[in-house]
PDB file of N, CA and C in Angstrom:
ATOM      1  N   UNK A   1       9.591  21.497  10.485  1.00  0.00           N
ATOM      2  CA  UNK A   1       9.385  20.279  11.264  1.00  0.00           C
ATOM      3  C   UNK A   1      10.445  19.251  10.873  1.00  0.00           C
ATOM      4  N   UNK A   2      10.995  18.602  11.844  1.00  0.00           N
ATOM      5  CA  UNK A   2      12.019  17.579  11.620  1.00  0.00           C
ATOM      6  C   UNK A   2      11.370  16.282  11.133  1.00  0.00           C
ATOM      7  N   UNK A   3      12.194  15.427  10.559  1.00  0.00           N
ATOM      8  CA  UNK A   3      11.683  14.139  10.096  1.00  0.00           C
ATOM      9  C   UNK A   3      11.840  13.093  11.191  1.00  0.00           C
ATOM     10  N   UNK A   4      11.082  12.013  11.077  1.00  0.00           N
ATOM     11  CA  UNK A   4      11.052  10.931  12.054  1.00  0.00           C
ATOM     12  C   UNK A   4      12.385  10.181  12.025  1.00  0.00           C
ATOM     13  N   UNK A   5      13.167  10.352  13.068  1.00  0.00           N
ATOM     14  CA  UNK A   5      14.499   9.732  13.134  1.00  0.00           C
ATOM     15  C   UNK A   5      14.411   8.211  13.244  1.00  0.00           C
ATOM     16  N   UNK A   6      13.369   7.717  13.900  1.00  0.00           N
ATOM     17  CA  UNK A   6      13.196   6.268  14.012  1.00  0.00           C
ATOM     18  C   UNK A   6      12.940   5.630  12.658  1.00  0.00           C
ATOM     19  N   UNK A   7      12.076   6.256  11.868  1.00  0.00           N
ATOM     20  CA  UNK A   7      11.809   5.747  10.516  1.00  0.00           C
ATOM     21  C   UNK A   7      13.055   5.869   9.660  1.00  0.00           C
ATOM     22  N   UNK A   8      13.782   6.963   9.812  1.00  0.00           N
ATOM     23  CA  UNK A   8      15.036   7.141   9.075  1.00  0.00           C
ATOM     24  C   UNK A   8      16.007   5.999   9.395  1.00  0.00           C
ATOM     25  N   UNK A   9      16.156   5.666  10.672  1.00  0.00           N
ATOM     26  CA  UNK A   9      17.076   4.597  11.078  1.00  0.00           C
ATOM     27  C   UNK A   9      16.660   3.265  10.475  1.00  0.00           C
ATOM     28  N   UNK A  10      15.377   2.977  10.528  1.00  0.00           N
ATOM     29  CA  UNK A  10      14.876   1.731   9.953  1.00  0.00           C
ATOM     30  C   UNK A  10      15.099   1.697   8.445  1.00  0.00           C
ATOM     31  N   UNK A  11      14.855   2.816   7.785  1.00  0.00           N
ATOM     32  CA  UNK A  11      15.043   2.907   6.344  1.00  0.00           C
ATOM     33  C   UNK A  11      16.509   2.712   5.983  1.00  0.00           C
ATOM     34  N   UNK A  12      17.392   3.358   6.716  1.00  0.00           N
ATOM     35  CA  UNK A  12      18.830   3.214   6.467  1.00  0.00           C
ATOM     36  C   UNK A  12      19.278   1.766   6.644  1.00  0.00           C
ATOM     37  N   UNK A  13      18.699   1.068   7.607  1.00  0.00           N
ATOM     38  CA  UNK A  13      19.032  -0.345   7.819  1.00  0.00           C
ATOM     39  C   UNK A  13      18.592  -1.195   6.634  1.00  0.00           C
ATOM     40  N   UNK A  14      17.387  -0.936   6.129  1.00  0.00           N
ATOM     41  CA  UNK A  14      16.895  -1.692   4.972  1.00  0.00           C
ATOM     42  C   UNK A  14      17.800  -1.453   3.765  1.00  0.00           C
ATOM     43  N   UNK A  15      18.278  -0.224   3.613  1.00  0.00           N
ATOM     44  CA  UNK A  15      19.101   0.137   2.458  1.00  0.00           C
ATOM     45  C   UNK A  15      20.580  -0.184   2.630  1.00  0.00           C
ATOM     46  N   UNK A  16      20.967  -0.637   3.809  1.00  0.00           N
ATOM     47  CA  UNK A  16      22.364  -0.941   4.081  1.00  0.00           C
ATOM     48  C   UNK A  16      22.914  -1.915   3.048  1.00  0.00           C
ATOM     49  N   UNK A  17      24.056  -1.567   2.494  1.00  0.00           N
ATOM     50  CA  UNK A  17      24.695  -2.429   1.513  1.00  0.00           C
ATOM     51  C   UNK A  17      24.222  -2.222   0.091  1.00  0.00           C
ATOM     52  N   UNK A  18      23.218  -1.387  -0.110  1.00  0.00           N
ATOM     53  CA  UNK A  18      22.726  -1.112  -1.457  1.00  0.00           C
ATOM     54  C   UNK A  18      23.409   0.147  -1.998  1.00  0.00           C
ATOM     55  N   UNK A  19      23.494   0.277  -3.309  1.00  0.00           N
ATOM     56  CA  UNK A  19      24.172   1.427  -3.914  1.00  0.00           C
ATOM     57  C   UNK A  19      23.302   2.682  -3.899  1.00  0.00           C
ATOM     58  N   UNK A  20      23.126   3.253  -2.720  1.00  0.00           N
ATOM     59  CA  UNK A  20      22.308   4.457  -2.572  1.00  0.00           C
ATOM     60  C   UNK A  20      23.148   5.579  -1.972  1.00  0.00           C
ATOM     61  N   UNK A  21      22.708   6.789  -2.206  1.00  0.00           N
ATOM     62  CA  UNK A  21      23.339   7.966  -1.640  1.00  0.00           C
ATOM     63  C   UNK A  21      22.290   8.730  -0.855  1.00  0.00           C
ATOM     64  N   UNK A  22      22.653   9.164   0.332  1.00  0.00           N
ATOM     65  CA  UNK A  22      21.731   9.925   1.174  1.00  0.00           C
ATOM     66  C   UNK A  22      21.740  11.387   0.751  1.00  0.00           C
ATOM     67  N   UNK A  23      20.561  11.990   0.749  1.00  0.00           N
ATOM     68  CA  UNK A  23      20.406  13.380   0.337  1.00  0.00           C
ATOM     69  C   UNK A  23      19.504  14.098   1.339  1.00  0.00           C
ATOM     70  N   UNK A  24      20.037  15.087   2.030  1.00  0.00           N
ATOM     71  CA  UNK A  24      19.226  15.865   2.964  1.00  0.00           C
ATOM     72  C   UNK A  24      18.312  16.778   2.156  1.00  0.00           C
ATOM     73  N   UNK A  25      17.053  16.857   2.580  1.00  0.00           N
ATOM     74  CA  UNK A  25      16.062  17.707   1.928  1.00  0.00           C
ATOM     75  C   UNK A  25      15.371  18.539   3.002  1.00  0.00           C
ATOM     76  N   UNK A  26      14.686  19.581   2.572  1.00  0.00           N
ATOM     77  CA  UNK A  26      13.912  20.366   3.525  1.00  0.00           C
ATOM     78  C   UNK A  26      12.811  19.499   4.119  1.00  0.00           C
ATOM     79  N   UNK A  27      12.831  19.332   5.403  1.00  0.00           N
ATOM     80  CA  UNK A  27      11.796  18.542   6.058  1.00  0.00           C
ATOM     81  C   UNK A  27      12.020  17.047   6.002  1.00  0.00           C
ATOM     82  N   UNK A  28      13.144  16.608   5.460  1.00  0.00           N
ATOM     83  CA  UNK A  28      13.344  15.173   5.378  1.00  0.00           C
ATOM     84  C   UNK A  28      14.700  14.776   4.831  1.00  0.00           C
ATOM     85  N   UNK A  29      14.755  13.530   4.425  1.00  0.00           N
ATOM     86  CA  UNK A  29      15.967  12.951   3.859  1.00  0.00           C
ATOM     87  C   UNK A  29      15.543  11.960   2.781  1.00  0.00           C
ATOM     88  N   UNK A  30      16.310  11.922   1.702  1.00  0.00           N
ATOM     89  CA  UNK A  30      16.015  10.988   0.629  1.00  0.00           C
ATOM     90  C   UNK A  30      17.209  10.091   0.365  1.00  0.00           C
ATOM     91  N   UNK A  31      16.963   9.014  -0.323  1.00  0.00           N
ATOM     92  CA  UNK A  31      18.011   8.105  -0.744  1.00  0.00           C
ATOM     93  C   UNK A  31      17.925   7.977  -2.258  1.00  0.00           C
ATOM     94  N   UNK A  32      19.051   8.217  -2.915  1.00  0.00           N
ATOM     95  CA  UNK A  32      19.067   8.208  -4.369  1.00  0.00           C
ATOM     96  C   UNK A  32      19.770   6.975  -4.913  1.00  0.00           C
ATOM     97  N   UNK A  33      19.348   6.602  -6.099  1.00  0.00           N
ATOM     98  CA  UNK A  33      19.974   5.539  -6.880  1.00  0.00           C
ATOM     99  C   UNK A  33      20.304   6.170  -8.224  1.00  0.00           C
ATOM    100  N   UNK A  34      21.573   6.190  -8.587  1.00  0.00           N
ATOM    101  CA  UNK A  34      22.019   6.798  -9.845  1.00  0.00           C
ATOM    102  C   UNK A  34      21.539   8.243  -9.978  1.00  0.00           C
ATOM    103  N   UNK A  35      21.440   8.945  -8.863  1.00  0.00           N
ATOM    104  CA  UNK A  35      21.049  10.349  -8.887  1.00  0.00           C
ATOM    105  C   UNK A  35      19.557  10.608  -8.822  1.00  0.00           C
ATOM    106  N   UNK A  36      18.750   9.563  -8.746  1.00  0.00           N
ATOM    107  CA  UNK A  36      17.297   9.700  -8.691  1.00  0.00           C
ATOM    108  C   UNK A  36      16.801   9.282  -7.305  1.00  0.00           C
ATOM    109  N   UNK A  37      15.954  10.102  -6.690  1.00  0.00           N
ATOM    110  CA  UNK A  37      15.418   9.727  -5.385  1.00  0.00           C
ATOM    111  C   UNK A  37      14.526   8.498  -5.536  1.00  0.00           C
ATOM    112  N   UNK A  38      14.800   7.504  -4.720  1.00  0.00           N
ATOM    113  CA  UNK A  38      14.024   6.260  -4.719  1.00  0.00           C
ATOM    114  C   UNK A  38      13.010   6.260  -3.579  1.00  0.00           C
ATOM    115  N   UNK A  39      13.455   6.742  -2.419  1.00  0.00           N
ATOM    116  CA  UNK A  39      12.603   6.746  -1.243  1.00  0.00           C
ATOM    117  C   UNK A  39      13.223   7.678  -0.212  1.00  0.00           C
ATOM    118  N   UNK A  40      12.478   7.920   0.843  1.00  0.00           N
ATOM    119  CA  UNK A  40      12.997   8.780   1.892  1.00  0.00           C
ATOM    120  C   UNK A  40      11.983   8.964   2.995  1.00  0.00           C
ATOM    121  N   UNK A  41      12.292   9.898   3.876  1.00  0.00           N
ATOM    122  CA  UNK A  41      11.405  10.220   4.988  1.00  0.00           C
ATOM    123  C   UNK A  41      11.082  11.701   4.901  1.00  0.00           C
ATOM    124  N   UNK A  42       9.800  12.015   4.930  1.00  0.00           N
ATOM    125  CA  UNK A  42       9.341  13.394   4.998  1.00  0.00           C
ATOM    126  C   UNK A  42       8.429  13.498   6.212  1.00  0.00           C
ATOM    127  N   UNK A  43       8.865  14.271   7.181  1.00  0.00           N
ATOM    128  CA  UNK A  43       8.172  14.391   8.472  1.00  0.00           C
ATOM    129  C   UNK A  43       8.022  13.016   9.092  1.00  0.00           C
ATOM    130  N   UNK A  44       6.806  12.478   9.165  1.00  0.00           N
ATOM    131  CA  UNK A  44       6.652  11.160   9.796  1.00  0.00           C
ATOM    132  C   UNK A  44       6.285  10.069   8.800  1.00  0.00           C
ATOM    133  N   UNK A  45       6.362  10.377   7.510  1.00  0.00           N
ATOM    134  CA  UNK A  45       5.939   9.428   6.479  1.00  0.00           C
ATOM    135  C   UNK A  45       7.094   8.973   5.609  1.00  0.00           C
ATOM    136  N   UNK A  46       6.941   7.788   5.062  1.00  0.00           N
ATOM    137  CA  UNK A  46       7.860   7.279   4.061  1.00  0.00           C
ATOM    138  C   UNK A  46       7.416   7.836   2.718  1.00  0.00           C
ATOM    139  N   UNK A  47       8.340   8.351   1.926  1.00  0.00           N
ATOM    140  CA  UNK A  47       8.021   8.741   0.559  1.00  0.00           C
ATOM    141  C   UNK A  47       8.680   7.722  -0.360  1.00  0.00           C
ATOM    142  N   UNK A  48       7.957   7.355  -1.413  1.00  0.00           N
ATOM    143  CA  UNK A  48       8.452   6.334  -2.332  1.00  0.00           C
ATOM    144  C   UNK A  48       8.124   6.746  -3.760  1.00  0.00           C
ATOM    145  N   UNK A  49       9.118   6.656  -4.610  1.00  0.00           N
ATOM    146  CA  UNK A  49       8.905   6.899  -6.034  1.00  0.00           C
ATOM    147  C   UNK A  49       8.627   5.550  -6.682  1.00  0.00           C
ATOM    148  N   UNK A  50       7.360   5.284  -6.934  1.00  0.00           N
ATOM    149  CA  UNK A  50       6.958   3.995  -7.488  1.00  0.00           C
ATOM    150  C   UNK A  50       6.855   4.017  -9.006  1.00  0.00           C
ATOM    151  N   UNK A  51       6.833   5.199  -9.600  1.00  0.00           N
ATOM    152  CA  UNK A  51       6.724   5.342 -11.044  1.00  0.00           C
ATOM    153  C   UNK A  51       5.286   5.442 -11.501  1.00  0.00           C
ATOM    154  N   UNK A  52       5.085   5.926 -12.715  1.00  0.00           N
ATOM    155  CA  UNK A  52       3.724   6.152 -13.215  1.00  0.00           C
ATOM    156  C   UNK A  52       2.904   4.884 -13.403  1.00  0.00           C
ATOM    157  N   UNK A  53       3.529   3.778 -13.750  1.00  0.00           N
ATOM    158  CA  UNK A  53       2.776   2.550 -13.995  1.00  0.00           C
ATOM    159  C   UNK A  53       2.240   1.916 -12.714  1.00  0.00           C
ATOM    160  N   UNK A  54       2.920   2.128 -11.606  1.00  0.00           N
ATOM    161  CA  UNK A  54       2.496   1.521 -10.332  1.00  0.00           C
ATOM    162  C   UNK A  54       1.829   2.524  -9.392  1.00  0.00           C
ATOM    163  N   UNK A  55       1.697   3.748  -9.846  1.00  0.00           N
ATOM    164  CA  UNK A  55       1.184   4.831  -9.010  1.00  0.00           C
ATOM    165  C   UNK A  55      -0.215   4.545  -8.463  1.00  0.00           C
ATOM    166  N   UNK A  56      -1.173   4.278  -9.340  1.00  0.00           N
ATOM    167  CA  UNK A  56      -2.551   4.084  -8.881  1.00  0.00           C
ATOM    168  C   UNK A  56      -2.703   2.806  -8.065  1.00  0.00           C
ATOM    169  N   UNK A  57      -1.960   1.785  -8.410  1.00  0.00           N
ATOM    170  CA  UNK A  57      -1.978   0.565  -7.603  1.00  0.00           C
ATOM    171  C   UNK A  57      -1.447   0.815  -6.206  1.00  0.00           C
ATOM    172  N   UNK A  58      -0.394   1.614  -6.118  1.00  0.00           N
ATOM    173  CA  UNK A  58       0.177   1.943  -4.805  1.00  0.00           C
ATOM    174  C   UNK A  58      -0.819   2.734  -3.975  1.00  0.00           C
ATOM    175  N   UNK A  59      -1.554   3.634  -4.617  1.00  0.00           N
ATOM    176  CA  UNK A  59      -2.540   4.438  -3.888  1.00  0.00           C
ATOM    177  C   UNK A  59      -3.688   3.603  -3.336  1.00  0.00           C
ATOM    178  N   UNK A  60      -3.881   2.403  -3.858  1.00  0.00           N
ATOM    179  CA  UNK A  60      -4.984   1.560  -3.389  1.00  0.00           C
ATOM    180  C   UNK A  60      -4.672   0.879  -2.050  1.00  0.00           C
ATOM    181  N   UNK A  61      -3.433   0.948  -1.612  1.00  0.00           N
ATOM    182  CA  UNK A  61      -3.044   0.334  -0.342  1.00  0.00           C
ATOM    183  C   UNK A  61      -3.497   1.200   0.836  1.00  0.00           C
ATOM    184  N   UNK A  62      -3.768   0.543   1.944  1.00  0.00           N
ATOM    185  CA  UNK A  62      -4.101   1.266   3.170  1.00  0.00           C
ATOM    186  C   UNK A  62      -2.941   2.150   3.576  1.00  0.00           C
ATOM    187  N   UNK A  63      -3.259   3.308   4.126  1.00  0.00           N
ATOM    188  CA  UNK A  63      -2.281   4.246   4.698  1.00  0.00           C
ATOM    189  C   UNK A  63      -1.375   4.897   3.654  1.00  0.00           C
ATOM    190  N   UNK A  64      -1.788   4.884   2.391  1.00  0.00           N
ATOM    191  CA  UNK A  64      -0.997   5.476   1.312  1.00  0.00           C
ATOM    192  C   UNK A  64      -1.800   6.616   0.696  1.00  0.00           C
ATOM    193  N   UNK A  65      -1.108   7.722   0.430  1.00  0.00           N
ATOM    194  CA  UNK A  65      -1.751   8.872  -0.210  1.00  0.00           C
ATOM    195  C   UNK A  65      -0.782   9.482  -1.223  1.00  0.00           C
ATOM    196  N   UNK A  66      -1.303  10.416  -1.993  1.00  0.00           N
ATOM    197  CA  UNK A  66      -0.472  11.120  -2.959  1.00  0.00           C
ATOM    198  C   UNK A  66       0.635  11.867  -2.234  1.00  0.00           C
ATOM    199  N   UNK A  67       1.779  11.974  -2.873  1.00  0.00           N
ATOM    200  CA  UNK A  67       2.863  12.797  -2.351  1.00  0.00           C
ATOM    201  C   UNK A  67       2.563  14.216  -2.802  1.00  0.00           C
ATOM    202  N   UNK A  68       2.098  15.017  -1.864  1.00  0.00           N
ATOM    203  CA  UNK A  68       1.686  16.371  -2.162  1.00  0.00           C
ATOM    204  C   UNK A  68       2.060  17.254  -0.986  1.00  0.00           C
ATOM    205  N   UNK A  69       3.152  17.984  -1.130  1.00  0.00           N
ATOM    206  CA  UNK A  69       3.575  18.869  -0.044  1.00  0.00           C
ATOM    207  C   UNK A  69       3.550  20.335  -0.456  1.00  0.00           C
ATOM    208  N   UNK A  70       3.223  20.572  -1.738  1.00  0.00           N
ATOM    209  CA  UNK A  70       3.228  21.942  -2.244  1.00  0.00           C
ATOM    210  C   UNK A  70       1.871  22.379  -2.772  1.00  0.00           C
ATOM    211  N   UNK A  71       0.869  21.520  -2.684  1.00  0.00           N
ATOM    212  CA  UNK A  71      -0.426  21.821  -3.266  1.00  0.00           C
ATOM    213  C   UNK A  71      -0.608  21.171  -4.630  1.00  0.00           C
ATOM    214  N   UNK A  72       0.423  20.542  -5.121  1.00  0.00           N
ATOM    215  CA  UNK A  72       0.361  19.838  -6.402  1.00  0.00           C
ATOM    216  C   UNK A  72       0.921  18.433  -6.195  1.00  0.00           C
ATOM    217  N   UNK A  73       0.105  17.421  -6.514  1.00  0.00           N
ATOM    218  CA  UNK A  73       0.586  16.053  -6.302  1.00  0.00           C
ATOM    219  C   UNK A  73       1.664  15.709  -7.320  1.00  0.00           C
ATOM    220  N   UNK A  74       2.566  14.860  -6.882  1.00  0.00           N
ATOM    221  CA  UNK A  74       3.644  14.398  -7.746  1.00  0.00           C
ATOM    222  C   UNK A  74       3.287  12.991  -8.213  1.00  0.00           C
ATOM    223  N   UNK A  75       2.865  12.880  -9.449  1.00  0.00           N
ATOM    224  CA  UNK A  75       2.484  11.579 -10.002  1.00  0.00           C
ATOM    225  C   UNK A  75       3.692  10.646  -9.996  1.00  0.00           C
ATOM    226  N   UNK A  76       3.444   9.430  -9.604  1.00  0.00           N
ATOM    227  CA  UNK A  76       4.523   8.451  -9.529  1.00  0.00           C
ATOM    228  C   UNK A  76       5.164   8.374  -8.158  1.00  0.00           C
ATOM    229  N   UNK A  77       4.748   9.269  -7.255  1.00  0.00           N
ATOM    230  CA  UNK A  77       5.281   9.312  -5.893  1.00  0.00           C
ATOM    231  C   UNK A  77       4.133   9.126  -4.909  1.00  0.00           C
ATOM    232  N   UNK A  78       4.392   8.397  -3.829  1.00  0.00           N
ATOM    233  CA  UNK A  78       3.387   8.226  -2.783  1.00  0.00           C
ATOM    234  C   UNK A  78       4.002   8.487  -1.411  1.00  0.00           C
ATOM    235  N   UNK A  79       3.127   8.766  -0.466  1.00  0.00           N
ATOM    236  CA  UNK A  79       3.517   8.889   0.941  1.00  0.00           C
ATOM    237  C   UNK A  79       2.827   7.770   1.699  1.00  0.00           C
ATOM    238  N   UNK A  80       3.588   7.077   2.505  1.00  0.00           N
ATOM    239  CA  UNK A  80       3.051   5.978   3.299  1.00  0.00           C
ATOM    240  C   UNK A  80       3.080   6.421   4.758  1.00  0.00           C
ATOM    241  N   UNK A  81       1.910   6.464   5.378  1.00  0.00           N
ATOM    242  CA  UNK A  81       1.794   6.878   6.770  1.00  0.00           C
ATOM    243  C   UNK A  81       2.499   5.872   7.678  1.00  0.00           C
ATOM    244  N   UNK A  82       2.842   6.291   8.894  1.00  0.00           N
ATOM    245  CA  UNK A  82       3.540   5.379   9.816  1.00  0.00           C
ATOM    246  C   UNK A  82       2.858   4.023   9.982  1.00  0.00           C
ATOM    247  N   UNK A  83       1.528   3.996   9.979  1.00  0.00           N
ATOM    248  CA  UNK A  83       0.805   2.735  10.133  1.00  0.00           C
ATOM    249  C   UNK A  83       1.082   1.769   8.979  1.00  0.00           C
ATOM    250  N   UNK A  84       1.408   2.307   7.813  1.00  0.00           N
ATOM    251  CA  UNK A  84       1.659   1.482   6.641  1.00  0.00           C
ATOM    252  C   UNK A  84       3.045   0.875   6.585  1.00  0.00           C
ATOM    253  N   UNK A  85       3.935   1.323   7.464  1.00  0.00           N
ATOM    254  CA  UNK A  85       5.301   0.777   7.494  1.00  0.00           C
ATOM    255  C   UNK A  85       5.704   0.383   8.910  1.00  0.00           C
ATOM    256  N   UNK A  86       4.720   0.085   9.751  1.00  0.00           N
ATOM    257  CA  UNK A  86       5.035  -0.294  11.129  1.00  0.00           C
ATOM    258  C   UNK A  86       5.725  -1.655  11.193  1.00  0.00           C
ATOM    259  N   UNK A  87       5.442  -2.501  10.218  1.00  0.00           N
ATOM    260  CA  UNK A  87       6.096  -3.809  10.130  1.00  0.00           C
ATOM    261  C   UNK A  87       7.321  -3.705   9.221  1.00  0.00           C
ATOM    262  N   UNK A  88       8.404  -4.346   9.602  1.00  0.00           N
ATOM    263  CA  UNK A  88       9.639  -4.287   8.813  1.00  0.00           C
ATOM    264  C   UNK A  88       9.450  -4.842   7.407  1.00  0.00           C
ATOM    265  N   UNK A  89       8.619  -5.869   7.260  1.00  0.00           N
ATOM    266  CA  UNK A  89       8.403  -6.442   5.930  1.00  0.00           C
ATOM    267  C   UNK A  89       7.688  -5.442   5.015  1.00  0.00           C
ATOM    268  N   UNK A  90       6.761  -4.674   5.558  1.00  0.00           N
ATOM    269  CA  UNK A  90       6.068  -3.664   4.757  1.00  0.00           C
ATOM    270  C   UNK A  90       7.038  -2.563   4.344  1.00  0.00           C
ATOM    271  N   UNK A  91       7.862  -2.115   5.265  1.00  0.00           N
ATOM    272  CA  UNK A  91       8.859  -1.092   4.949  1.00  0.00           C
ATOM    273  C   UNK A  91       9.793  -1.595   3.851  1.00  0.00           C
ATOM    274  N   UNK A  92      10.290  -2.800   3.987  1.00  0.00           N
ATOM    275  CA  UNK A  92      11.209  -3.367   2.995  1.00  0.00           C
ATOM    276  C   UNK A  92      10.546  -3.482   1.627  1.00  0.00           C
ATOM    277  N   UNK A  93       9.277  -3.820   1.590  1.00  0.00           N
ATOM    278  CA  UNK A  93       8.559  -3.947   0.330  1.00  0.00           C
ATOM    279  C   UNK A  93       8.452  -2.594  -0.377  1.00  0.00           C
ATOM    280  N   UNK A  94       8.099  -1.560   0.370  1.00  0.00           N
ATOM    281  CA  UNK A  94       8.015  -0.216  -0.217  1.00  0.00           C
ATOM    282  C   UNK A  94       9.387   0.258  -0.689  1.00  0.00           C
ATOM    283  N   UNK A  95      10.401   0.017   0.106  1.00  0.00           N
ATOM    284  CA  UNK A  95      11.756   0.438  -0.267  1.00  0.00           C
ATOM    285  C   UNK A  95      12.188  -0.274  -1.547  1.00  0.00           C
ATOM    286  N   UNK A  96      11.918  -1.543  -1.632  1.00  0.00           N
ATOM    287  CA  UNK A  96      12.265  -2.321  -2.830  1.00  0.00           C
ATOM    288  C   UNK A  96      11.564  -1.736  -4.060  1.00  0.00           C
ATOM    289  N   UNK A  97      10.303  -1.340  -3.913  1.00  0.00           N
ATOM    290  CA  UNK A  97       9.570  -0.736  -5.039  1.00  0.00           C
ATOM    291  C   UNK A  97      10.242   0.551  -5.500  1.00  0.00           C
ATOM    292  N   UNK A  98      10.663   1.386  -4.556  1.00  0.00           N
ATOM    293  CA  UNK A  98      11.318   2.634  -4.911  1.00  0.00           C
ATOM    294  C   UNK A  98      12.671   2.427  -5.560  1.00  0.00           C
ATOM    295  N   UNK A  99      13.460   1.545  -4.999  1.00  0.00           N
ATOM    296  CA  UNK A  99      14.792   1.269  -5.544  1.00  0.00           C
ATOM    297  C   UNK A  99      14.671   0.635  -6.926  1.00  0.00           C
ATOM    298  N   UNK A 100      13.751  -0.311  -7.059  1.00  0.00           N
ATOM    299  CA  UNK A 100      13.568  -0.967  -8.359  1.00  0.00           C
ATOM    300  C   UNK A 100      13.197   0.044  -9.441  1.00  0.00           C
ATOM    301  N   UNK A 101      12.294   0.985  -9.113  1.00  0.00           N
ATOM    302  CA  UNK A 101      11.923   1.976 -10.114  1.00  0.00           C
ATOM    303  C   UNK A 101      13.102   2.884 -10.439  1.00  0.00           C
ATOM    304  N   UNK A 102      13.789   3.358  -9.436  1.00  0.00           N
ATOM    305  CA  UNK A 102      14.925   4.268  -9.667  1.00  0.00           C
ATOM    306  C   UNK A 102      15.995   3.602 -10.533  1.00  0.00           C
ATOM    307  N   UNK A 103      16.165   2.309 -10.391  1.00  0.00           N
ATOM    308  CA  UNK A 103      17.157   1.590 -11.186  1.00  0.00           C
ATOM    309  C   UNK A 103      16.791   1.526 -12.669  1.00  0.00           C
ATOM    310  N   UNK A 104      15.521   1.765 -12.998  1.00  0.00           N
ATOM    311  CA  UNK A 104      15.117   1.745 -14.408  1.00  0.00           C
ATOM    312  C   UNK A 104      15.433   3.056 -15.114  1.00  0.00           C
ATOM    313  N   UNK A 105      15.767   4.083 -14.353  1.00  0.00           N
ATOM    314  CA  UNK A 105      16.019   5.406 -14.925  1.00  0.00           C
ATOM    315  C   UNK A 105      17.487   5.551 -15.324  1.00  0.00           C
ATOM    316  N   UNK A 106      17.764   6.331 -16.365  1.00  0.00           N
ATOM    317  CA  UNK A 106      19.160   6.520 -16.768  1.00  0.00           C
ATOM    318  C   UNK A 106      19.898   7.313 -15.700  1.00  0.00           C
ATOM    319  N   UNK A 107      21.169   7.021 -15.459  1.00  0.00           N
ATOM    320  CA  UNK A 107      21.927   7.767 -14.456  1.00  0.00           C
ATOM    321  C   UNK A 107      21.962   9.255 -14.775  1.00  0.00           C
ATOM    322  N   UNK A 108      21.951  10.040 -13.724  1.00  0.00           N
ATOM    323  CA  UNK A 108      22.065  11.501 -13.898  1.00  0.00           C
ATOM    324  C   UNK A 108      23.514  11.881 -13.968  1.00  0.00           C
TER     325      UNK A 108
END
């Protein structure tokens, strides 16, 4: 299944001018900071690496669930359904969370 091109376009606009690298993945696309995926699009959802400290808080938001595409959830990662990023301010907030966390990690 292809990823949502509209969400991808919006995400790329939010990230414009930031030091990110695009990475094609199976079923989606990710954006990396210093070699670490910060956020991306998987099918029709936004994926965000929020980190272990913000993981449970992120899950408490509406339209957010565990990032689980293999049968095993990835702690520190969440998926935000389209309803959770329909507003540009919400999308920008999630993207900022992912980029901020990725910036705390040592470069690969």
